[in-house]
Amino acid sequence: MIQYRDNAKLYVPVTSLDLLSKYSGSEKSSAPLHKLGSDQWDKARRKAAEKANDTAAELLDIYARREAQSVKE
């Protein structure tokens, strides 16, 4: 369970616990607290999804270049 502002709770399946990580920003007291379902929450969620997609695209590009390199050799 992850607790958000106004005691909103998000229950995470045990099988997905590896997807969670501890907040690693500057200070815990300055961590952004969003209300689930708010515009801020949606924006943060979208931004995280975009970063994940960008990282995936980068990795695909790297692996494709490596594969092309090994085929040439």
PDB file of N, CA and C in Angstrom:
ATOM      1  N   MET A   1       0.838  -1.173   0.000  1.00  0.00           N
ATOM      2  CA  MET A   1       0.000   0.000   0.000  1.00  0.00           C
ATOM      3  C   MET A   1       0.891   1.247   0.000  1.00  0.00           C
ATOM      4  N   ILE A   2       0.536   2.195  -0.844  1.00  0.00           N
ATOM      5  CA  ILE A   2       1.217   3.484  -0.867  1.00  0.00           C
ATOM      6  C   ILE A   2       0.197   4.524  -0.438  1.00  0.00           C
ATOM      7  N   GLN A   3       0.590   5.356   0.502  1.00  0.00           N
ATOM      8  CA  GLN A   3      -0.334   6.368   1.003  1.00  0.00           C
ATOM      9  C   GLN A   3       0.009   7.715   0.388  1.00  0.00           C
ATOM     10  N   TYR A   4      -1.012   8.397  -0.123  1.00  0.00           N
ATOM     11  CA  TYR A   4      -0.873   9.706  -0.739  1.00  0.00           C
ATOM     12  C   TYR A   4      -1.567  10.758   0.114  1.00  0.00           C
ATOM     13  N   ARG A   5      -1.611  11.978  -0.413  1.00  0.00           N
ATOM     14  CA  ARG A   5      -2.247  13.077   0.303  1.00  0.00           C
ATOM     15  C   ARG A   5      -3.701  12.729   0.620  1.00  0.00           C
ATOM     16  N   ASP A   6      -4.189  13.291   1.687  1.00  0.00           N
ATOM     17  CA  ASP A   6      -5.574  13.084   2.152  1.00  0.00           C
ATOM     18  C   ASP A   6      -5.859  11.613   2.444  1.00  0.00           C
ATOM     19  N   ASN A   7      -4.835  10.889   2.866  1.00  0.00           N
ATOM     20  CA  ASN A   7      -4.950   9.467   3.220  1.00  0.00           C
ATOM     21  C   ASN A   7      -5.472   8.592   2.089  1.00  0.00           C
ATOM     22  N   ALA A   8      -5.302   9.029   0.840  1.00  0.00           N
ATOM     23  CA  ALA A   8      -5.658   8.181  -0.305  1.00  0.00           C
ATOM     24  C   ALA A   8      -4.654   7.039  -0.349  1.00  0.00           C
ATOM     25  N   LYS A   9      -5.135   5.846  -0.643  1.00  0.00           N
ATOM     26  CA  LYS A   9      -4.273   4.669  -0.638  1.00  0.00           C
ATOM     27  C   LYS A   9      -4.295   4.002  -2.005  1.00  0.00           C
ATOM     28  N   LEU A  10      -3.128   3.584  -2.416  1.00  0.00           N
ATOM     29  CA  LEU A  10      -2.979   2.841  -3.668  1.00  0.00           C
ATOM     30  C   LEU A  10      -2.425   1.476  -3.295  1.00  0.00           C
ATOM     31  N   TYR A  11      -3.185   0.442  -3.568  1.00  0.00           N
ATOM     32  CA  TYR A  11      -2.746  -0.907  -3.241  1.00  0.00           C
ATOM     33  C   TYR A  11      -2.009  -1.491  -4.438  1.00  0.00           C
ATOM     34  N   VAL A  12      -0.825  -1.993  -4.182  1.00  0.00           N
ATOM     35  CA  VAL A  12       0.034  -2.543  -5.229  1.00  0.00           C
ATOM     36  C   VAL A  12       0.104  -4.051  -5.039  1.00  0.00           C
ATOM     37  N   PRO A  13      -0.127  -4.811  -6.115  1.00  0.00           N
ATOM     38  CA  PRO A  13      -0.031  -6.261  -5.981  1.00  0.00           C
ATOM     39  C   PRO A  13       1.387  -6.687  -5.589  1.00  0.00           C
ATOM     40  N   VAL A  14       1.479  -7.728  -4.815  1.00  0.00           N
ATOM     41  CA  VAL A  14       2.779  -8.221  -4.366  1.00  0.00           C
ATOM     42  C   VAL A  14       3.675  -8.534  -5.567  1.00  0.00           C
ATOM     43  N   THR A  15       3.087  -8.982  -6.648  1.00  0.00           N
ATOM     44  CA  THR A  15       3.870  -9.334  -7.841  1.00  0.00           C
ATOM     45  C   THR A  15       4.477  -8.111  -8.518  1.00  0.00           C
ATOM     46  N   SER A  16       4.034  -6.914  -8.155  1.00  0.00           N
ATOM     47  CA  SER A  16       4.552  -5.684  -8.762  1.00  0.00           C
ATOM     48  C   SER A  16       5.415  -4.865  -7.809  1.00  0.00           C
ATOM     49  N   LEU A  17       5.726  -5.400  -6.659  1.00  0.00           N
ATOM     50  CA  LEU A  17       6.503  -4.646  -5.682  1.00  0.00           C
ATOM     51  C   LEU A  17       7.876  -4.256  -6.205  1.00  0.00           C
ATOM     52  N   ASP A  18       8.424  -5.038  -7.127  1.00  0.00           N
ATOM     53  CA  ASP A  18       9.740  -4.710  -7.676  1.00  0.00           C
ATOM     54  C   ASP A  18       9.711  -3.438  -8.517  1.00  0.00           C
ATOM     55  N   LEU A  19       8.540  -2.957  -8.857  1.00  0.00           N
ATOM     56  CA  LEU A  19       8.406  -1.731  -9.647  1.00  0.00           C
ATOM     57  C   LEU A  19       8.467  -0.475  -8.791  1.00  0.00           C
ATOM     58  N   LEU A  20       8.414  -0.650  -7.488  1.00  0.00           N
ATOM     59  CA  LEU A  20       8.435   0.484  -6.564  1.00  0.00           C
ATOM     60  C   LEU A  20       9.854   0.772  -6.111  1.00  0.00           C
ATOM     61  N   SER A  21      10.097   2.031  -5.841  1.00  0.00           N
ATOM     62  CA  SER A  21      11.385   2.404  -5.262  1.00  0.00           C
ATOM     63  C   SER A  21      11.160   3.544  -4.277  1.00  0.00           C
ATOM     64  N   LYS A  22      12.083   3.667  -3.371  1.00  0.00           N
ATOM     65  CA  LYS A  22      12.004   4.711  -2.362  1.00  0.00           C
ATOM     66  C   LYS A  22      12.261   6.071  -3.014  1.00  0.00           C
ATOM     67  N   TYR A  23      11.629   7.107  -2.509  1.00  0.00           N
ATOM     68  CA  TYR A  23      11.845   8.454  -3.027  1.00  0.00           C
ATOM     69  C   TYR A  23      13.323   8.798  -2.922  1.00  0.00           C
ATOM     70  N   SER A  24      13.895   9.280  -4.017  1.00  0.00           N
ATOM     71  CA  SER A  24      15.335   9.570  -4.014  1.00  0.00           C
ATOM     72  C   SER A  24      15.623  11.032  -4.347  1.00  0.00           C
ATOM     73  N   GLY A  25      14.660  11.889  -4.116  1.00  0.00           N
ATOM     74  CA  GLY A  25      14.856  13.320  -4.363  1.00  0.00           C
ATOM     75  C   GLY A  25      15.698  13.947  -3.275  1.00  0.00           C
ATOM     76  N   SER A  26      15.716  15.251  -3.237  1.00  0.00           N
ATOM     77  CA  SER A  26      16.574  15.965  -2.291  1.00  0.00           C
ATOM     78  C   SER A  26      16.242  15.620  -0.835  1.00  0.00           C
ATOM     79  N   GLU A  27      15.122  16.051  -0.344  1.00  0.00           N
ATOM     80  CA  GLU A  27      14.732  15.764   1.038  1.00  0.00           C
ATOM     81  C   GLU A  27      13.313  15.223   1.067  1.00  0.00           C
ATOM     82  N   LYS A  28      13.076  14.295   1.954  1.00  0.00           N
ATOM     83  CA  LYS A  28      11.744  13.704   2.062  1.00  0.00           C
ATOM     84  C   LYS A  28      10.686  14.755   2.369  1.00  0.00           C
ATOM     85  N   SER A  29      11.065  15.751   3.165  1.00  0.00           N
ATOM     86  CA  SER A  29      10.089  16.773   3.547  1.00  0.00           C
ATOM     87  C   SER A  29       9.658  17.631   2.362  1.00  0.00           C
ATOM     88  N   SER A  30      10.467  17.676   1.312  1.00  0.00           N
ATOM     89  CA  SER A  30      10.110  18.472   0.137  1.00  0.00           C
ATOM     90  C   SER A  30       9.597  17.610  -1.012  1.00  0.00           C
ATOM     91  N   ALA A  31       9.332  16.336  -0.736  1.00  0.00           N
ATOM     92  CA  ALA A  31       8.810  15.442  -1.770  1.00  0.00           C
ATOM     93  C   ALA A  31       7.432  15.918  -2.204  1.00  0.00           C
ATOM     94  N   PRO A  32       7.183  15.903  -3.514  1.00  0.00           N
ATOM     95  CA  PRO A  32       5.868  16.341  -3.977  1.00  0.00           C
ATOM     96  C   PRO A  32       4.792  15.329  -3.582  1.00  0.00           C
ATOM     97  N   LEU A  33       3.728  15.811  -2.969  1.00  0.00           N
ATOM     98  CA  LEU A  33       2.611  14.953  -2.601  1.00  0.00           C
ATOM     99  C   LEU A  33       1.413  15.330  -3.456  1.00  0.00           C
ATOM    100  N   HIS A  34       0.990  14.400  -4.289  1.00  0.00           N
ATOM    101  CA  HIS A  34      -0.132  14.658  -5.183  1.00  0.00           C
ATOM    102  C   HIS A  34      -1.361  13.898  -4.682  1.00  0.00           C
ATOM    103  N   LYS A  35      -2.507  14.465  -4.954  1.00  0.00           N
ATOM    104  CA  LYS A  35      -3.749  13.782  -4.645  1.00  0.00           C
ATOM    105  C   LYS A  35      -4.051  12.857  -5.816  1.00  0.00           C
ATOM    106  N   LEU A  36      -4.356  11.593  -5.517  1.00  0.00           N
ATOM    107  CA  LEU A  36      -4.658  10.645  -6.579  1.00  0.00           C
ATOM    108  C   LEU A  36      -5.807  11.151  -7.432  1.00  0.00           C
ATOM    109  N   GLY A  37      -5.643  11.061  -8.734  1.00  0.00           N
ATOM    110  CA  GLY A  37      -6.693  11.473  -9.651  1.00  0.00           C
ATOM    111  C   GLY A  37      -6.705  12.958  -9.969  1.00  0.00           C
ATOM    112  N   SER A  38      -5.833  13.743  -9.339  1.00  0.00           N
ATOM    113  CA  SER A  38      -5.805  15.184  -9.606  1.00  0.00           C
ATOM    114  C   SER A  38      -5.042  15.460 -10.901  1.00  0.00           C
ATOM    115  N   ASP A  39      -5.100  16.697 -11.351  1.00  0.00           N
ATOM    116  CA  ASP A  39      -4.362  17.084 -12.555  1.00  0.00           C
ATOM    117  C   ASP A  39      -2.862  16.896 -12.355  1.00  0.00           C
ATOM    118  N   GLN A  40      -2.369  17.228 -11.154  1.00  0.00           N
ATOM    119  CA  GLN A  40      -0.941  17.051 -10.861  1.00  0.00           C
ATOM    120  C   GLN A  40      -0.555  15.577 -10.958  1.00  0.00           C
ATOM    121  N   TRP A  41      -1.407  14.711 -10.428  1.00  0.00           N
ATOM    122  CA  TRP A  41      -1.161  13.277 -10.459  1.00  0.00           C
ATOM    123  C   TRP A  41      -1.101  12.792 -11.902  1.00  0.00           C
ATOM    124  N   ASP A  42      -2.084  13.200 -12.711  1.00  0.00           N
ATOM    125  CA  ASP A  42      -2.117  12.780 -14.112  1.00  0.00           C
ATOM    126  C   ASP A  42      -0.882  13.272 -14.862  1.00  0.00           C
ATOM    127  N   LYS A  43      -0.475  14.500 -14.596  1.00  0.00           N
ATOM    128  CA  LYS A  43       0.701  15.064 -15.254  1.00  0.00           C
ATOM    129  C   LYS A  43       1.964  14.281 -14.869  1.00  0.00           C
ATOM    130  N   ALA A  44       2.118  13.973 -13.592  1.00  0.00           N
ATOM    131  CA  ALA A  44       3.282  13.217 -13.126  1.00  0.00           C
ATOM    132  C   ALA A  44       3.279  11.815 -13.725  1.00  0.00           C
ATOM    133  N   ARG A  45       2.118  11.206 -13.788  1.00  0.00           N
ATOM    134  CA  ARG A  45       1.993   9.864 -14.355  1.00  0.00           C
ATOM    135  C   ARG A  45       2.326   9.868 -15.851  1.00  0.00           C
ATOM    136  N   ARG A  46       1.820  10.863 -16.576  1.00  0.00           N
ATOM    137  CA  ARG A  46       2.117  10.983 -18.010  1.00  0.00           C
ATOM    138  C   ARG A  46       3.607  11.192 -18.244  1.00  0.00           C
ATOM    139  N   LYS A  47       4.204  12.066 -17.425  1.00  0.00           N
ATOM    140  CA  LYS A  47       5.628  12.362 -17.561  1.00  0.00           C
ATOM    141  C   LYS A  47       6.470  11.104 -17.314  1.00  0.00           C
ATOM    142  N   ALA A  48       6.106  10.326 -16.303  1.00  0.00           N
ATOM    143  CA  ALA A  48       6.827   9.084 -16.015  1.00  0.00           C
ATOM    144  C   ALA A  48       6.685   8.093 -17.170  1.00  0.00           C
ATOM    145  N   ALA A  49       5.477   7.998 -17.738  1.00  0.00           N
ATOM    146  CA  ALA A  49       5.251   7.090 -18.861  1.00  0.00           C
ATOM    147  C   ALA A  49       6.067   7.527 -20.076  1.00  0.00           C
ATOM    148  N   GLU A  50       6.131   8.840 -20.328  1.00  0.00           N
ATOM    149  CA  GLU A  50       6.922   9.348 -21.452  1.00  0.00           C
ATOM    150  C   GLU A  50       8.406   9.033 -21.280  1.00  0.00           C
ATOM    151  N   LYS A  51       8.906   9.206 -20.060  1.00  0.00           N
ATOM    152  CA  LYS A  51      10.312   8.894 -19.793  1.00  0.00           C
ATOM    153  C   LYS A  51      10.586   7.411 -19.995  1.00  0.00           C
ATOM    154  N   ALA A  52       9.669   6.573 -19.561  1.00  0.00           N
ATOM    155  CA  ALA A  52       9.836   5.127 -19.738  1.00  0.00           C
ATOM    156  C   ALA A  52       9.850   4.779 -21.224  1.00  0.00           C
ATOM    157  N   ASN A  53       8.964   5.393 -21.998  1.00  0.00           N
ATOM    158  CA  ASN A  53       8.932   5.148 -23.440  1.00  0.00           C
ATOM    159  C   ASN A  53      10.203   5.640 -24.111  1.00  0.00           C
ATOM    160  N   ASP A  54      10.692   6.805 -23.697  1.00  0.00           N
ATOM    161  CA  ASP A  54      11.940   7.334 -24.253  1.00  0.00           C
ATOM    162  C   ASP A  54      13.108   6.398 -23.970  1.00  0.00           C
ATOM    163  N   THR A  55      13.168   5.893 -22.753  1.00  0.00           N
ATOM    164  CA  THR A  55      14.238   4.967 -22.379  1.00  0.00           C
ATOM    165  C   THR A  55      14.138   3.683 -23.194  1.00  0.00           C
ATOM    166  N   ALA A  56      12.932   3.167 -23.356  1.00  0.00           N
ATOM    167  CA  ALA A  56      12.729   1.953 -24.149  1.00  0.00           C
ATOM    168  C   ALA A  56      13.161   2.179 -25.597  1.00  0.00           C
ATOM    169  N   ALA A  57      12.806   3.330 -26.166  1.00  0.00           N
ATOM    170  CA  ALA A  57      13.194   3.637 -27.543  1.00  0.00           C
ATOM    171  C   ALA A  57      14.712   3.738 -27.676  1.00  0.00           C
ATOM    172  N   GLU A  58      15.342   4.348 -26.680  1.00  0.00           N
ATOM    173  CA  GLU A  58      16.801   4.459 -26.671  1.00  0.00           C
ATOM    174  C   GLU A  58      17.457   3.088 -26.642  1.00  0.00           C
ATOM    175  N   LEU A  59      16.950   2.224 -25.779  1.00  0.00           N
ATOM    176  CA  LEU A  59      17.501   0.878 -25.674  1.00  0.00           C
ATOM    177  C   LEU A  59      17.314   0.093 -26.964  1.00  0.00           C
ATOM    178  N   LEU A  60      16.145   0.207 -27.580  1.00  0.00           N
ATOM    179  CA  LEU A  60      15.903  -0.472 -28.855  1.00  0.00           C
ATOM    180  C   LEU A  60      16.886   0.007 -29.917  1.00  0.00           C
ATOM    181  N   ASP A  61      17.144   1.295 -29.947  1.00  0.00           N
ATOM    182  CA  ASP A  61      18.094   1.856 -30.903  1.00  0.00           C
ATOM    183  C   ASP A  61      19.497   1.309 -30.656  1.00  0.00           C
ATOM    184  N   ILE A  62      19.904   1.284 -29.402  1.00  0.00           N
ATOM    185  CA  ILE A  62      21.239   0.773 -29.051  1.00  0.00           C
ATOM    186  C   ILE A  62      21.372  -0.685 -29.467  1.00  0.00           C
ATOM    187  N   TYR A  63      20.366  -1.515 -29.135  1.00  0.00           N
ATOM    188  CA  TYR A  63      20.436  -2.933 -29.474  1.00  0.00           C
ATOM    189  C   TYR A  63      20.395  -3.143 -30.979  1.00  0.00           C
ATOM    190  N   ALA A  64      19.638  -2.329 -31.690  1.00  0.00           N
ATOM    191  CA  ALA A  64      19.590  -2.448 -33.154  1.00  0.00           C
ATOM    192  C   ALA A  64      20.944  -2.117 -33.763  1.00  0.00           C
ATOM    193  N   ARG A  65      21.598  -1.064 -33.255  1.00  0.00           N
ATOM    194  CA  ARG A  65      22.927  -0.709 -33.768  1.00  0.00           C
ATOM    195  C   ARG A  65      23.944  -1.800 -33.453  1.00  0.00           C
ATOM    196  N   ARG A  66      23.860  -2.378 -32.264  1.00  0.00           N
ATOM    197  CA  ARG A  66      24.775  -3.468 -31.907  1.00  0.00           C
ATOM    198  C   ARG A  66      24.552  -4.667 -32.808  1.00  0.00           C
ATOM    199  N   GLU A  67      23.313  -4.994 -33.068  1.00  0.00           N
ATOM    200  CA  GLU A  67      22.993  -6.130 -33.941  1.00  0.00           C
ATOM    201  C   GLU A  67      23.515  -5.874 -35.355  1.00  0.00           C
ATOM    202  N   ALA A  68      23.316  -4.669 -35.857  1.00  0.00           N
ATOM    203  CA  ALA A  68      23.794  -4.317 -37.199  1.00  0.00           C
ATOM    204  C   ALA A  68      25.311  -4.403 -37.254  1.00  0.00           C
ATOM    205  N   GLN A  69      25.962  -3.989 -36.189  1.00  0.00           N
ATOM    206  CA  GLN A  69      27.428  -4.046 -36.113  1.00  0.00           C
ATOM    207  C   GLN A  69      27.921  -5.477 -36.139  1.00  0.00           C
ATOM    208  N   SER A  70      27.253  -6.361 -35.396  1.00  0.00           N
ATOM    209  CA  SER A  70      27.685  -7.765 -35.346  1.00  0.00           C
ATOM    210  C   SER A  70      27.424  -8.487 -36.663  1.00  0.00           C
ATOM    211  N   VAL A  71      26.400  -8.072 -37.397  1.00  0.00           N
ATOM    212  CA  VAL A  71      26.105  -8.678 -38.698  1.00  0.00           C
ATOM    213  C   VAL A  71      27.210  -8.304 -39.701  1.00  0.00           C
ATOM    214  N   LYS A  72      27.724  -7.071 -39.614  1.00  0.00           N
ATOM    215  CA  LYS A  72      28.784  -6.609 -40.509  1.00  0.00           C
ATOM    216  C   LYS A  72      30.084  -7.399 -40.292  1.00  0.00           C
ATOM    217  N   GLU A  73      30.312  -7.822 -39.076  1.00  0.00           N
ATOM    218  CA  GLU A  73      31.561  -8.509 -38.734  1.00  0.00           C
ATOM    219  C   GLU A  73      31.483  -9.926 -39.105  1.00  0.00           C
TER     220      GLU A  73
END
